[in-house]
N, C-alpha and C. Protein backbone atom coordinates (compact mmCIF):
# COMPACT_ATOMS: atom_id res chain seq x y z
N MET A 1 -1.51 -12.28 16.98
CA MET A 1 -0.35 -11.82 16.23
C MET A 1 0.80 -11.42 17.16
N LYS A 2 0.53 -11.36 18.47
CA LYS A 2 1.51 -10.84 19.41
C LYS A 2 2.78 -11.68 19.48
N ASN A 3 2.70 -12.95 19.13
CA ASN A 3 3.88 -13.80 19.22
C ASN A 3 4.48 -14.14 17.87
N GLY A 4 3.81 -13.76 16.79
CA GLY A 4 4.27 -14.14 15.46
C GLY A 4 5.19 -13.10 14.85
N ARG A 5 6.03 -13.53 13.94
CA ARG A 5 6.93 -12.62 13.24
C ARG A 5 6.18 -11.92 12.11
N ILE A 6 6.60 -10.69 11.85
CA ILE A 6 5.94 -9.84 10.85
C ILE A 6 6.97 -9.38 9.84
N LEU A 7 6.60 -9.44 8.56
CA LEU A 7 7.45 -8.96 7.48
C LEU A 7 6.88 -7.67 6.94
N ILE A 8 7.69 -6.61 6.96
CA ILE A 8 7.29 -5.33 6.36
C ILE A 8 8.14 -5.08 5.13
N MET A 9 7.49 -4.87 3.99
CA MET A 9 8.17 -4.59 2.74
C MET A 9 8.01 -3.11 2.39
N THR A 10 9.13 -2.44 2.13
CA THR A 10 9.10 -1.06 1.66
C THR A 10 9.80 -1.02 0.30
N SER A 11 9.44 -0.04 -0.52
CA SER A 11 10.02 -0.02 -1.86
C SER A 11 11.44 0.54 -1.87
N VAL A 12 11.71 1.58 -1.07
CA VAL A 12 13.02 2.24 -1.12
C VAL A 12 13.58 2.41 0.30
N GLN A 13 14.86 2.75 0.36
CA GLN A 13 15.58 2.83 1.63
C GLN A 13 15.00 3.89 2.55
N ALA A 14 14.58 5.04 2.01
CA ALA A 14 14.04 6.11 2.86
C ALA A 14 12.80 5.64 3.60
N GLU A 15 11.96 4.86 2.95
CA GLU A 15 10.77 4.31 3.61
C GLU A 15 11.17 3.30 4.68
N LYS A 16 12.14 2.46 4.35
CA LYS A 16 12.62 1.47 5.32
C LYS A 16 13.15 2.15 6.57
N GLU A 17 13.94 3.20 6.40
CA GLU A 17 14.51 3.90 7.54
C GLU A 17 13.41 4.56 8.38
N ALA A 18 12.38 5.10 7.73
CA ALA A 18 11.28 5.73 8.47
C ALA A 18 10.55 4.69 9.32
N VAL A 19 10.28 3.53 8.74
CA VAL A 19 9.61 2.46 9.49
C VAL A 19 10.48 2.01 10.66
N LEU A 20 11.76 1.83 10.40
CA LEU A 20 12.67 1.35 11.46
C LEU A 20 12.78 2.36 12.61
N ARG A 21 12.72 3.64 12.30
CA ARG A 21 12.77 4.66 13.36
C ARG A 21 11.55 4.54 14.27
N GLY A 22 10.43 4.12 13.69
CA GLY A 22 9.21 4.02 14.47
C GLY A 22 9.08 2.72 15.24
N LEU A 23 9.76 1.68 14.77
CA LEU A 23 9.59 0.35 15.37
C LEU A 23 10.38 0.20 16.67
N LYS A 24 9.78 -0.51 17.60
CA LYS A 24 10.48 -0.91 18.83
C LYS A 24 10.13 -2.37 19.10
N ASP A 25 10.29 -3.21 18.10
CA ASP A 25 9.82 -4.58 18.21
C ASP A 25 10.74 -5.51 17.44
N ASP A 26 11.33 -6.48 18.12
CA ASP A 26 12.27 -7.37 17.47
C ASP A 26 11.58 -8.53 16.73
N ARG A 27 10.23 -8.51 16.69
CA ARG A 27 9.52 -9.53 15.92
C ARG A 27 9.44 -9.19 14.44
N VAL A 28 9.91 -8.00 14.08
CA VAL A 28 9.67 -7.47 12.74
C VAL A 28 10.95 -7.44 11.91
N ASP A 29 10.83 -7.87 10.65
CA ASP A 29 11.89 -7.70 9.67
C ASP A 29 11.40 -6.70 8.63
N VAL A 30 12.21 -5.69 8.31
CA VAL A 30 11.88 -4.71 7.29
C VAL A 30 12.82 -4.94 6.10
N VAL A 31 12.23 -5.23 4.95
CA VAL A 31 12.99 -5.66 3.78
C VAL A 31 12.62 -4.79 2.59
N LEU A 32 13.61 -4.49 1.74
CA LEU A 32 13.36 -3.69 0.54
C LEU A 32 12.66 -4.54 -0.53
N ALA A 33 11.56 -4.01 -1.05
CA ALA A 33 10.81 -4.70 -2.10
C ALA A 33 11.27 -4.29 -3.49
N GLY A 34 11.90 -3.12 -3.60
CA GLY A 34 12.17 -2.58 -4.92
C GLY A 34 10.96 -1.82 -5.42
N VAL A 35 11.08 -1.24 -6.60
CA VAL A 35 10.02 -0.41 -7.15
C VAL A 35 9.23 -1.19 -8.20
N GLY A 36 7.91 -1.15 -8.08
CA GLY A 36 7.04 -1.81 -9.04
C GLY A 36 6.55 -3.16 -8.55
N PRO A 37 5.41 -3.63 -9.08
CA PRO A 37 4.80 -4.86 -8.58
C PRO A 37 5.61 -6.11 -8.83
N VAL A 38 6.35 -6.18 -9.93
CA VAL A 38 7.12 -7.39 -10.23
C VAL A 38 8.27 -7.55 -9.25
N ALA A 39 9.07 -6.49 -9.08
CA ALA A 39 10.18 -6.54 -8.13
C ALA A 39 9.66 -6.81 -6.72
N ALA A 40 8.52 -6.20 -6.38
CA ALA A 40 7.96 -6.39 -5.04
C ALA A 40 7.54 -7.83 -4.81
N ALA A 41 6.93 -8.45 -5.81
CA ALA A 41 6.52 -9.85 -5.68
C ALA A 41 7.73 -10.76 -5.53
N ILE A 42 8.75 -10.53 -6.34
CA ILE A 42 9.95 -11.38 -6.29
C ILE A 42 10.65 -11.27 -4.95
N ASN A 43 10.86 -10.05 -4.49
CA ASN A 43 11.60 -9.86 -3.25
C ASN A 43 10.80 -10.27 -2.02
N THR A 44 9.49 -10.15 -2.09
CA THR A 44 8.67 -10.65 -0.98
C THR A 44 8.72 -12.17 -0.94
N MET A 45 8.66 -12.82 -2.09
CA MET A 45 8.77 -14.28 -2.13
C MET A 45 10.11 -14.74 -1.56
N LYS A 46 11.18 -14.04 -1.89
CA LYS A 46 12.50 -14.39 -1.34
C LYS A 46 12.49 -14.31 0.18
N ALA A 47 11.91 -13.23 0.70
CA ALA A 47 11.87 -13.05 2.16
C ALA A 47 11.02 -14.12 2.83
N LEU A 48 9.91 -14.48 2.21
CA LEU A 48 9.02 -15.49 2.78
C LEU A 48 9.61 -16.89 2.68
N THR A 49 10.47 -17.10 1.72
CA THR A 49 11.16 -18.39 1.59
C THR A 49 12.25 -18.53 2.65
N ALA A 50 12.87 -17.40 3.00
CA ALA A 50 14.01 -17.43 3.93
C ALA A 50 13.59 -17.53 5.39
N ASN A 51 12.39 -17.03 5.72
CA ASN A 51 11.95 -17.02 7.13
C ASN A 51 10.45 -17.30 7.21
N THR A 52 9.99 -17.57 8.43
CA THR A 52 8.58 -17.85 8.67
C THR A 52 7.91 -16.63 9.30
N TYR A 53 6.80 -16.22 8.71
CA TYR A 53 6.06 -15.05 9.19
C TYR A 53 4.59 -15.38 9.34
N GLU A 54 3.89 -14.53 10.11
CA GLU A 54 2.45 -14.68 10.27
C GLU A 54 1.67 -13.55 9.62
N LEU A 55 2.38 -12.49 9.23
CA LEU A 55 1.72 -11.33 8.62
C LEU A 55 2.71 -10.62 7.71
N VAL A 56 2.19 -10.12 6.57
CA VAL A 56 3.00 -9.34 5.63
C VAL A 56 2.37 -7.96 5.49
N ILE A 57 3.20 -6.91 5.57
CA ILE A 57 2.72 -5.53 5.43
C ILE A 57 3.54 -4.83 4.34
N ASN A 58 2.87 -4.17 3.43
CA ASN A 58 3.54 -3.26 2.51
C ASN A 58 3.35 -1.85 3.04
N ALA A 59 4.43 -1.18 3.41
CA ALA A 59 4.36 0.16 3.99
C ALA A 59 5.21 1.13 3.18
N GLY A 60 4.73 2.36 3.06
CA GLY A 60 5.49 3.35 2.31
C GLY A 60 4.70 4.62 2.11
N ILE A 61 5.16 5.44 1.17
CA ILE A 61 4.46 6.67 0.83
C ILE A 61 3.72 6.44 -0.48
N ALA A 62 2.81 7.36 -0.80
CA ALA A 62 1.96 7.16 -1.98
C ALA A 62 1.35 8.48 -2.41
N GLY A 63 0.73 8.46 -3.59
CA GLY A 63 -0.07 9.58 -4.05
C GLY A 63 -1.50 9.42 -3.57
N GLY A 64 -2.14 10.52 -3.22
CA GLY A 64 -3.53 10.47 -2.76
C GLY A 64 -4.45 11.17 -3.75
N PHE A 65 -5.64 10.63 -3.93
CA PHE A 65 -6.61 11.25 -4.82
C PHE A 65 -7.26 12.44 -4.12
N SER A 66 -7.30 13.57 -4.80
CA SER A 66 -7.82 14.81 -4.22
C SER A 66 -9.25 14.61 -3.74
N GLY A 67 -9.51 15.10 -2.51
CA GLY A 67 -10.82 14.96 -1.92
C GLY A 67 -11.02 13.63 -1.22
N ARG A 68 -10.05 12.74 -1.35
CA ARG A 68 -10.16 11.42 -0.72
C ARG A 68 -9.05 11.17 0.29
N ALA A 69 -7.86 11.70 0.05
CA ALA A 69 -6.74 11.52 0.98
C ALA A 69 -5.82 12.73 0.88
N ASP A 70 -5.71 13.48 1.96
CA ASP A 70 -4.89 14.69 1.98
C ASP A 70 -3.42 14.35 2.14
N ILE A 71 -2.57 15.25 1.67
CA ILE A 71 -1.14 15.09 1.86
C ILE A 71 -0.82 15.07 3.36
N GLY A 72 0.00 14.10 3.77
CA GLY A 72 0.34 13.94 5.17
C GLY A 72 -0.55 12.98 5.92
N SER A 73 -1.68 12.61 5.32
CA SER A 73 -2.58 11.66 5.96
C SER A 73 -2.14 10.23 5.69
N LEU A 74 -2.83 9.29 6.34
CA LEU A 74 -2.52 7.87 6.18
C LEU A 74 -3.72 7.15 5.57
N VAL A 75 -3.42 6.18 4.71
CA VAL A 75 -4.46 5.33 4.15
C VAL A 75 -4.08 3.88 4.42
N ILE A 76 -5.02 3.13 4.99
CA ILE A 76 -4.85 1.70 5.16
C ILE A 76 -5.77 1.01 4.17
N ALA A 77 -5.21 0.12 3.38
CA ALA A 77 -5.99 -0.50 2.31
C ALA A 77 -7.12 -1.36 2.86
N SER A 78 -8.34 -1.08 2.40
CA SER A 78 -9.46 -1.97 2.65
C SER A 78 -9.51 -3.05 1.58
N GLU A 79 -8.75 -2.82 0.52
CA GLU A 79 -8.62 -3.75 -0.60
C GLU A 79 -7.40 -3.31 -1.41
N ILE A 80 -6.65 -4.28 -1.92
CA ILE A 80 -5.47 -3.97 -2.73
C ILE A 80 -5.81 -4.30 -4.18
N VAL A 81 -5.75 -3.28 -5.04
CA VAL A 81 -6.28 -3.42 -6.40
C VAL A 81 -5.19 -3.15 -7.43
N CYS A 82 -4.97 -4.11 -8.33
CA CYS A 82 -4.07 -3.89 -9.46
C CYS A 82 -4.87 -3.19 -10.56
N ALA A 83 -4.63 -1.89 -10.73
CA ALA A 83 -5.53 -1.07 -11.52
C ALA A 83 -5.17 -0.96 -12.99
N ASP A 84 -4.03 -1.54 -13.41
CA ASP A 84 -3.68 -1.42 -14.82
C ASP A 84 -3.37 -2.76 -15.48
N LEU A 85 -3.83 -3.85 -14.87
CA LEU A 85 -3.65 -5.18 -15.45
C LEU A 85 -4.96 -5.59 -16.12
N GLY A 86 -4.96 -5.61 -17.45
CA GLY A 86 -6.18 -5.91 -18.18
C GLY A 86 -6.04 -5.57 -19.64
N ALA A 87 -7.08 -5.02 -20.23
CA ALA A 87 -7.07 -4.73 -21.68
C ALA A 87 -7.83 -3.44 -21.96
N GLU A 88 -7.39 -2.73 -22.98
CA GLU A 88 -8.15 -1.59 -23.47
C GLU A 88 -9.27 -2.08 -24.38
N SER A 89 -10.35 -1.30 -24.44
CA SER A 89 -11.45 -1.61 -25.35
C SER A 89 -12.10 -0.30 -25.76
N PRO A 90 -12.92 -0.30 -26.81
CA PRO A 90 -13.63 0.93 -27.19
C PRO A 90 -14.52 1.46 -26.08
N GLU A 91 -14.95 0.57 -25.19
CA GLU A 91 -15.82 0.98 -24.07
C GLU A 91 -15.03 1.40 -22.84
N GLY A 92 -13.70 1.26 -22.90
CA GLY A 92 -12.87 1.61 -21.76
C GLY A 92 -12.03 0.44 -21.28
N PHE A 93 -11.35 0.64 -20.13
CA PHE A 93 -10.46 -0.39 -19.58
C PHE A 93 -11.25 -1.58 -19.08
N LEU A 94 -10.73 -2.80 -19.34
CA LEU A 94 -11.33 -4.04 -18.86
C LEU A 94 -10.31 -4.75 -17.98
N SER A 95 -10.67 -4.98 -16.71
CA SER A 95 -9.76 -5.67 -15.80
C SER A 95 -9.71 -7.15 -16.11
N MET A 96 -8.74 -7.84 -15.52
CA MET A 96 -8.65 -9.28 -15.70
C MET A 96 -9.91 -9.98 -15.18
N ASP A 97 -10.50 -9.44 -14.12
CA ASP A 97 -11.73 -10.00 -13.59
C ASP A 97 -12.86 -9.90 -14.61
N GLU A 98 -12.96 -8.74 -15.27
CA GLU A 98 -14.00 -8.55 -16.28
C GLU A 98 -13.74 -9.40 -17.51
N LEU A 99 -12.47 -9.62 -17.83
CA LEU A 99 -12.12 -10.46 -18.97
C LEU A 99 -12.32 -11.94 -18.66
N GLY A 100 -12.30 -12.28 -17.37
CA GLY A 100 -12.51 -13.67 -16.97
C GLY A 100 -11.29 -14.55 -17.19
N ILE A 101 -10.10 -13.95 -17.18
CA ILE A 101 -8.87 -14.72 -17.34
C ILE A 101 -7.87 -14.32 -16.28
N GLY A 102 -6.96 -15.25 -15.95
CA GLY A 102 -5.90 -14.94 -15.01
C GLY A 102 -6.41 -14.82 -13.59
N SER A 103 -5.53 -14.33 -12.71
CA SER A 103 -5.86 -14.16 -11.30
C SER A 103 -6.66 -12.88 -11.08
N SER A 104 -7.36 -12.82 -9.97
CA SER A 104 -8.12 -11.62 -9.64
C SER A 104 -7.17 -10.45 -9.43
N THR A 105 -7.60 -9.29 -9.86
CA THR A 105 -6.80 -8.07 -9.66
C THR A 105 -7.18 -7.36 -8.36
N ARG A 106 -8.01 -8.00 -7.54
CA ARG A 106 -8.44 -7.42 -6.27
C ARG A 106 -8.13 -8.41 -5.16
N ILE A 107 -7.33 -7.98 -4.19
CA ILE A 107 -6.91 -8.86 -3.10
C ILE A 107 -7.46 -8.33 -1.78
N GLU A 108 -8.12 -9.20 -1.05
CA GLU A 108 -8.72 -8.82 0.23
C GLU A 108 -7.66 -8.71 1.31
N VAL A 109 -7.97 -7.92 2.32
CA VAL A 109 -7.09 -7.76 3.48
C VAL A 109 -7.84 -8.26 4.71
N ASP A 110 -7.12 -8.37 5.82
CA ASP A 110 -7.73 -8.80 7.07
C ASP A 110 -8.48 -7.62 7.68
N GLU A 111 -9.81 -7.64 7.60
CA GLU A 111 -10.61 -6.50 8.05
C GLU A 111 -10.44 -6.21 9.54
N GLY A 112 -10.27 -7.27 10.33
CA GLY A 112 -10.09 -7.08 11.76
C GLY A 112 -8.82 -6.31 12.07
N LEU A 113 -7.73 -6.67 11.39
CA LEU A 113 -6.47 -5.96 11.61
C LEU A 113 -6.55 -4.52 11.12
N VAL A 114 -7.19 -4.33 9.96
CA VAL A 114 -7.34 -2.97 9.42
C VAL A 114 -8.11 -2.09 10.39
N HIS A 115 -9.18 -2.62 10.94
CA HIS A 115 -9.99 -1.85 11.90
C HIS A 115 -9.18 -1.53 13.16
N ALA A 116 -8.45 -2.53 13.67
CA ALA A 116 -7.67 -2.33 14.89
C ALA A 116 -6.59 -1.28 14.70
N ILE A 117 -5.89 -1.33 13.57
CA ILE A 117 -4.81 -0.38 13.31
C ILE A 117 -5.36 1.02 13.08
N SER A 118 -6.40 1.14 12.25
CA SER A 118 -6.95 2.47 11.98
C SER A 118 -7.53 3.09 13.24
N SER A 119 -8.13 2.29 14.08
CA SER A 119 -8.68 2.82 15.35
C SER A 119 -7.56 3.31 16.26
N ALA A 120 -6.46 2.55 16.34
CA ALA A 120 -5.33 2.96 17.17
C ALA A 120 -4.71 4.25 16.65
N LEU A 121 -4.58 4.38 15.34
CA LEU A 121 -4.01 5.59 14.75
C LEU A 121 -4.92 6.79 14.99
N SER A 122 -6.23 6.58 14.88
CA SER A 122 -7.18 7.67 15.14
C SER A 122 -7.10 8.12 16.59
N ARG A 123 -7.01 7.17 17.51
CA ARG A 123 -6.89 7.53 18.93
C ARG A 123 -5.62 8.32 19.20
N ASP A 124 -4.59 8.07 18.39
CA ASP A 124 -3.31 8.77 18.53
C ASP A 124 -3.36 10.16 17.90
N GLY A 125 -4.48 10.49 17.29
CA GLY A 125 -4.63 11.82 16.69
C GLY A 125 -4.19 11.92 15.25
N GLN A 126 -3.94 10.79 14.60
CA GLN A 126 -3.48 10.82 13.22
C GLN A 126 -4.66 10.77 12.26
N ASP A 127 -4.49 11.42 11.12
CA ASP A 127 -5.51 11.47 10.07
C ASP A 127 -5.39 10.20 9.24
N VAL A 128 -6.33 9.28 9.43
CA VAL A 128 -6.23 7.98 8.77
C VAL A 128 -7.60 7.56 8.26
N GLN A 129 -7.60 6.86 7.13
CA GLN A 129 -8.84 6.31 6.61
C GLN A 129 -8.58 4.94 6.00
N ARG A 130 -9.66 4.18 5.89
CA ARG A 130 -9.61 2.87 5.24
C ARG A 130 -10.25 3.00 3.87
N ALA A 131 -9.52 2.58 2.83
CA ALA A 131 -10.03 2.68 1.46
C ALA A 131 -9.18 1.81 0.55
N PRO A 132 -9.69 1.44 -0.62
CA PRO A 132 -8.85 0.71 -1.57
C PRO A 132 -7.62 1.52 -1.96
N ILE A 133 -6.50 0.82 -2.09
CA ILE A 133 -5.27 1.42 -2.61
C ILE A 133 -4.95 0.75 -3.94
N LEU A 134 -4.71 1.56 -4.96
CA LEU A 134 -4.43 1.04 -6.30
C LEU A 134 -2.94 0.77 -6.47
N THR A 135 -2.61 -0.31 -7.14
CA THR A 135 -1.24 -0.59 -7.58
C THR A 135 -1.17 -0.33 -9.07
N LEU A 136 -0.19 0.48 -9.48
CA LEU A 136 0.02 0.79 -10.89
C LEU A 136 1.47 0.59 -11.25
N SER A 137 1.73 0.22 -12.48
CA SER A 137 3.11 0.04 -12.95
C SER A 137 3.76 1.36 -13.33
N LYS A 138 2.96 2.40 -13.46
CA LYS A 138 3.51 3.73 -13.72
C LYS A 138 2.74 4.75 -12.90
N VAL A 139 3.43 5.76 -12.42
CA VAL A 139 2.81 6.80 -11.62
C VAL A 139 1.93 7.67 -12.51
N THR A 140 0.71 7.93 -12.06
CA THR A 140 -0.19 8.79 -12.82
C THR A 140 0.37 10.21 -12.88
N GLY A 141 0.33 10.80 -14.09
CA GLY A 141 0.92 12.12 -14.26
C GLY A 141 0.11 13.07 -15.11
N THR A 142 -1.14 12.71 -15.41
CA THR A 142 -2.00 13.59 -16.20
C THR A 142 -3.38 13.68 -15.57
N GLU A 143 -4.08 14.77 -15.85
CA GLU A 143 -5.44 14.94 -15.36
C GLU A 143 -6.38 13.91 -15.97
N GLU A 144 -6.16 13.59 -17.24
CA GLU A 144 -7.02 12.63 -17.93
C GLU A 144 -6.98 11.26 -17.25
N THR A 145 -5.79 10.76 -16.97
CA THR A 145 -5.66 9.45 -16.31
C THR A 145 -6.20 9.51 -14.90
N THR A 146 -5.98 10.61 -14.20
CA THR A 146 -6.50 10.75 -12.84
C THR A 146 -8.01 10.63 -12.82
N VAL A 147 -8.67 11.34 -13.70
CA VAL A 147 -10.14 11.30 -13.76
C VAL A 147 -10.61 9.90 -14.12
N GLU A 148 -9.94 9.26 -15.07
CA GLU A 148 -10.34 7.92 -15.48
C GLU A 148 -10.26 6.94 -14.32
N LEU A 149 -9.18 7.03 -13.54
CA LEU A 149 -9.02 6.15 -12.39
C LEU A 149 -10.07 6.43 -11.32
N MET A 150 -10.34 7.70 -11.07
CA MET A 150 -11.31 8.06 -10.03
C MET A 150 -12.72 7.62 -10.40
N VAL A 151 -13.04 7.64 -11.69
CA VAL A 151 -14.35 7.17 -12.14
C VAL A 151 -14.41 5.65 -12.06
N ARG A 152 -13.35 5.00 -12.48
CA ARG A 152 -13.33 3.53 -12.51
C ARG A 152 -13.24 2.93 -11.11
N GLU A 153 -12.53 3.61 -10.20
CA GLU A 153 -12.37 3.12 -8.83
C GLU A 153 -12.83 4.22 -7.87
N PRO A 154 -14.15 4.41 -7.75
CA PRO A 154 -14.68 5.56 -7.00
C PRO A 154 -14.41 5.56 -5.51
N GLU A 155 -14.02 4.42 -4.95
CA GLU A 155 -13.73 4.36 -3.52
C GLU A 155 -12.24 4.48 -3.21
N ALA A 156 -11.38 4.35 -4.23
CA ALA A 156 -9.93 4.35 -4.00
C ALA A 156 -9.46 5.69 -3.47
N ALA A 157 -8.51 5.65 -2.53
CA ALA A 157 -7.99 6.89 -1.94
C ALA A 157 -6.54 7.16 -2.31
N ALA A 158 -5.81 6.14 -2.75
CA ALA A 158 -4.38 6.32 -3.00
C ALA A 158 -3.90 5.38 -4.10
N GLU A 159 -2.75 5.73 -4.67
CA GLU A 159 -2.10 4.85 -5.64
C GLU A 159 -0.63 4.71 -5.29
N ALA A 160 -0.11 3.51 -5.50
CA ALA A 160 1.31 3.23 -5.30
C ALA A 160 1.72 2.18 -6.34
N MET A 161 2.88 1.54 -6.15
CA MET A 161 3.40 0.67 -7.20
C MET A 161 3.76 -0.74 -6.73
N GLU A 162 3.58 -1.06 -5.45
CA GLU A 162 4.07 -2.34 -4.97
C GLU A 162 3.04 -3.23 -4.27
N GLY A 163 1.94 -2.67 -3.80
CA GLY A 163 1.02 -3.42 -2.95
C GLY A 163 0.54 -4.74 -3.52
N TYR A 164 0.14 -4.73 -4.78
CA TYR A 164 -0.40 -5.94 -5.39
C TYR A 164 0.67 -7.03 -5.50
N GLY A 165 1.90 -6.64 -5.81
CA GLY A 165 2.98 -7.62 -5.88
C GLY A 165 3.27 -8.25 -4.54
N VAL A 166 3.32 -7.44 -3.49
CA VAL A 166 3.53 -7.95 -2.14
C VAL A 166 2.38 -8.87 -1.75
N ALA A 167 1.15 -8.45 -2.07
CA ALA A 167 -0.03 -9.23 -1.69
C ALA A 167 -0.08 -10.57 -2.41
N CYS A 168 0.32 -10.60 -3.69
CA CYS A 168 0.33 -11.86 -4.44
C CYS A 168 1.29 -12.87 -3.79
N ALA A 169 2.45 -12.38 -3.37
CA ALA A 169 3.42 -13.26 -2.71
C ALA A 169 2.86 -13.78 -1.39
N ALA A 170 2.22 -12.90 -0.61
CA ALA A 170 1.64 -13.32 0.66
C ALA A 170 0.56 -14.38 0.44
N GLN A 171 -0.23 -14.21 -0.61
CA GLN A 171 -1.27 -15.19 -0.93
C GLN A 171 -0.69 -16.57 -1.18
N GLU A 172 0.46 -16.62 -1.83
CA GLU A 172 1.09 -17.91 -2.13
C GLU A 172 1.42 -18.67 -0.84
N TYR A 173 1.63 -17.93 0.23
CA TYR A 173 1.95 -18.55 1.52
C TYR A 173 0.74 -18.55 2.46
N ASN A 174 -0.43 -18.20 1.93
CA ASN A 174 -1.67 -18.16 2.72
C ASN A 174 -1.53 -17.27 3.96
N LEU A 175 -0.86 -16.13 3.77
CA LEU A 175 -0.65 -15.19 4.86
C LEU A 175 -1.52 -13.95 4.69
N PRO A 176 -2.01 -13.39 5.81
CA PRO A 176 -2.73 -12.12 5.72
C PRO A 176 -1.79 -11.01 5.29
N VAL A 177 -2.34 -10.02 4.57
CA VAL A 177 -1.51 -8.93 4.06
C VAL A 177 -2.21 -7.61 4.32
N LEU A 178 -1.42 -6.57 4.60
CA LEU A 178 -1.92 -5.21 4.79
C LEU A 178 -1.09 -4.26 3.93
N GLU A 179 -1.68 -3.14 3.57
CA GLU A 179 -0.94 -2.07 2.91
C GLU A 179 -1.24 -0.77 3.63
N ILE A 180 -0.19 -0.09 4.05
CA ILE A 180 -0.31 1.16 4.80
C ILE A 180 0.52 2.23 4.09
N ARG A 181 -0.12 3.34 3.74
CA ARG A 181 0.56 4.38 2.97
C ARG A 181 0.37 5.76 3.59
N ALA A 182 1.46 6.53 3.60
CA ALA A 182 1.43 7.94 3.98
C ALA A 182 1.44 8.76 2.70
N ILE A 183 0.57 9.73 2.61
CA ILE A 183 0.37 10.48 1.36
C ILE A 183 1.38 11.62 1.24
N SER A 184 2.14 11.59 0.14
CA SER A 184 3.18 12.59 -0.10
C SER A 184 2.81 13.61 -1.16
N ASN A 185 1.81 13.30 -1.98
CA ASN A 185 1.45 14.19 -3.09
C ASN A 185 0.06 13.84 -3.59
N ALA A 186 -0.52 14.78 -4.32
CA ALA A 186 -1.82 14.53 -4.93
C ALA A 186 -1.61 13.82 -6.26
N VAL A 187 -2.45 12.83 -6.54
CA VAL A 187 -2.43 12.17 -7.84
C VAL A 187 -2.90 13.17 -8.89
N GLY A 188 -2.16 13.27 -9.99
CA GLY A 188 -2.53 14.21 -11.04
C GLY A 188 -1.32 14.65 -11.83
N PRO A 189 -1.41 15.76 -12.55
CA PRO A 189 -0.29 16.26 -13.33
C PRO A 189 0.98 16.33 -12.48
N ARG A 190 2.06 15.83 -13.04
CA ARG A 190 3.31 15.69 -12.30
C ARG A 190 3.87 17.05 -11.91
N ASP A 191 4.05 17.25 -10.59
CA ASP A 191 4.55 18.52 -10.06
C ASP A 191 5.44 18.23 -8.86
N ARG A 192 6.73 18.01 -9.11
CA ARG A 192 7.65 17.64 -8.05
C ARG A 192 7.75 18.71 -6.98
N GLU A 193 7.53 19.97 -7.35
CA GLU A 193 7.63 21.06 -6.38
C GLU A 193 6.58 20.94 -5.28
N ALA A 194 5.47 20.28 -5.60
CA ALA A 194 4.37 20.17 -4.63
C ALA A 194 4.47 18.92 -3.76
N TRP A 195 5.41 18.05 -4.05
CA TRP A 195 5.54 16.82 -3.27
C TRP A 195 6.09 17.13 -1.88
N ARG A 196 5.55 16.46 -0.88
CA ARG A 196 6.00 16.65 0.50
C ARG A 196 6.45 15.30 1.06
N ILE A 197 7.53 14.82 0.49
CA ILE A 197 8.02 13.49 0.85
C ILE A 197 8.49 13.44 2.30
N LYS A 198 9.16 14.48 2.75
CA LYS A 198 9.64 14.50 4.13
C LYS A 198 8.48 14.39 5.12
N ASP A 199 7.40 15.13 4.86
CA ASP A 199 6.22 15.07 5.74
C ASP A 199 5.60 13.68 5.72
N ALA A 200 5.54 13.08 4.53
CA ALA A 200 4.96 11.74 4.42
C ALA A 200 5.80 10.71 5.17
N LEU A 201 7.11 10.82 5.07
CA LEU A 201 7.99 9.89 5.79
C LEU A 201 7.83 10.05 7.30
N GLN A 202 7.62 11.29 7.75
CA GLN A 202 7.38 11.52 9.18
C GLN A 202 6.08 10.87 9.61
N SER A 203 5.05 10.97 8.76
CA SER A 203 3.77 10.32 9.06
C SER A 203 3.93 8.81 9.11
N LEU A 204 4.74 8.27 8.21
CA LEU A 204 4.99 6.83 8.19
C LEU A 204 5.71 6.38 9.45
N GLU A 205 6.69 7.17 9.88
CA GLU A 205 7.41 6.86 11.12
C GLU A 205 6.47 6.88 12.32
N SER A 206 5.62 7.91 12.40
CA SER A 206 4.68 8.01 13.51
C SER A 206 3.69 6.86 13.50
N ALA A 207 3.23 6.48 12.31
CA ALA A 207 2.29 5.36 12.18
C ALA A 207 2.93 4.06 12.63
N SER A 208 4.21 3.87 12.33
CA SER A 208 4.90 2.64 12.70
C SER A 208 4.96 2.47 14.20
N LYS A 209 5.10 3.56 14.91
CA LYS A 209 5.15 3.50 16.38
C LYS A 209 3.83 2.98 16.94
N VAL A 210 2.74 3.36 16.28
CA VAL A 210 1.41 3.05 16.79
C VAL A 210 0.94 1.66 16.36
N PHE A 211 1.06 1.34 15.05
CA PHE A 211 0.43 0.10 14.61
C PHE A 211 1.10 -1.14 15.19
N MET A 212 2.37 -1.03 15.56
CA MET A 212 3.01 -2.20 16.15
C MET A 212 2.52 -2.47 17.58
N GLU A 213 1.89 -1.45 18.19
CA GLU A 213 1.29 -1.68 19.51
C GLU A 213 0.06 -2.58 19.42
N VAL A 214 -0.53 -2.65 18.20
CA VAL A 214 -1.74 -3.42 17.98
C VAL A 214 -1.42 -4.84 17.55
N LEU A 215 -0.35 -5.00 16.77
CA LEU A 215 -0.07 -6.29 16.15
C LEU A 215 0.64 -7.25 17.09
């Protein structure tokens, strides 16, 4: 990957600026994905059409599930999961995979790259873990939904809104994809006073300095 170009997609400008502050590499383009999986897929496809890349990364901040990812920590996706694409049933939520229609709602990542990046971040003293990251079209804001997600996806550590869209676009170009998130708040009842966005952006900036040394 040392000679190939890398595309990093962030949802908003503050995330883009944090990544750019950490980067010291002219092989990388940082592009705004917009908010939500649809906008992220469209804008990633545009970027991949305009230039040639060898790796796509979705980077930003996210909510962390209590007991699985602390505020200020980093999560690197071991799997990118679209957690709300499917159907309701009397027995509970049914994913597209369970329904047997459409594309898979679970996208694999490059395990070698995930291991290399997480190891480098750990050596740098950063709190990082590898776990599934959920993509949702709406931010979880109730205890009921939080519990339902944690039961349905017992290994997931974080939720965000763009990873699956970015990953779908990367798949169309047969490119490896990663998702890296800094945790700004706990998933659960909406409490803006408890959000630590500034701390999460600082973690994202620090992570950007390190992971580019590996790629």
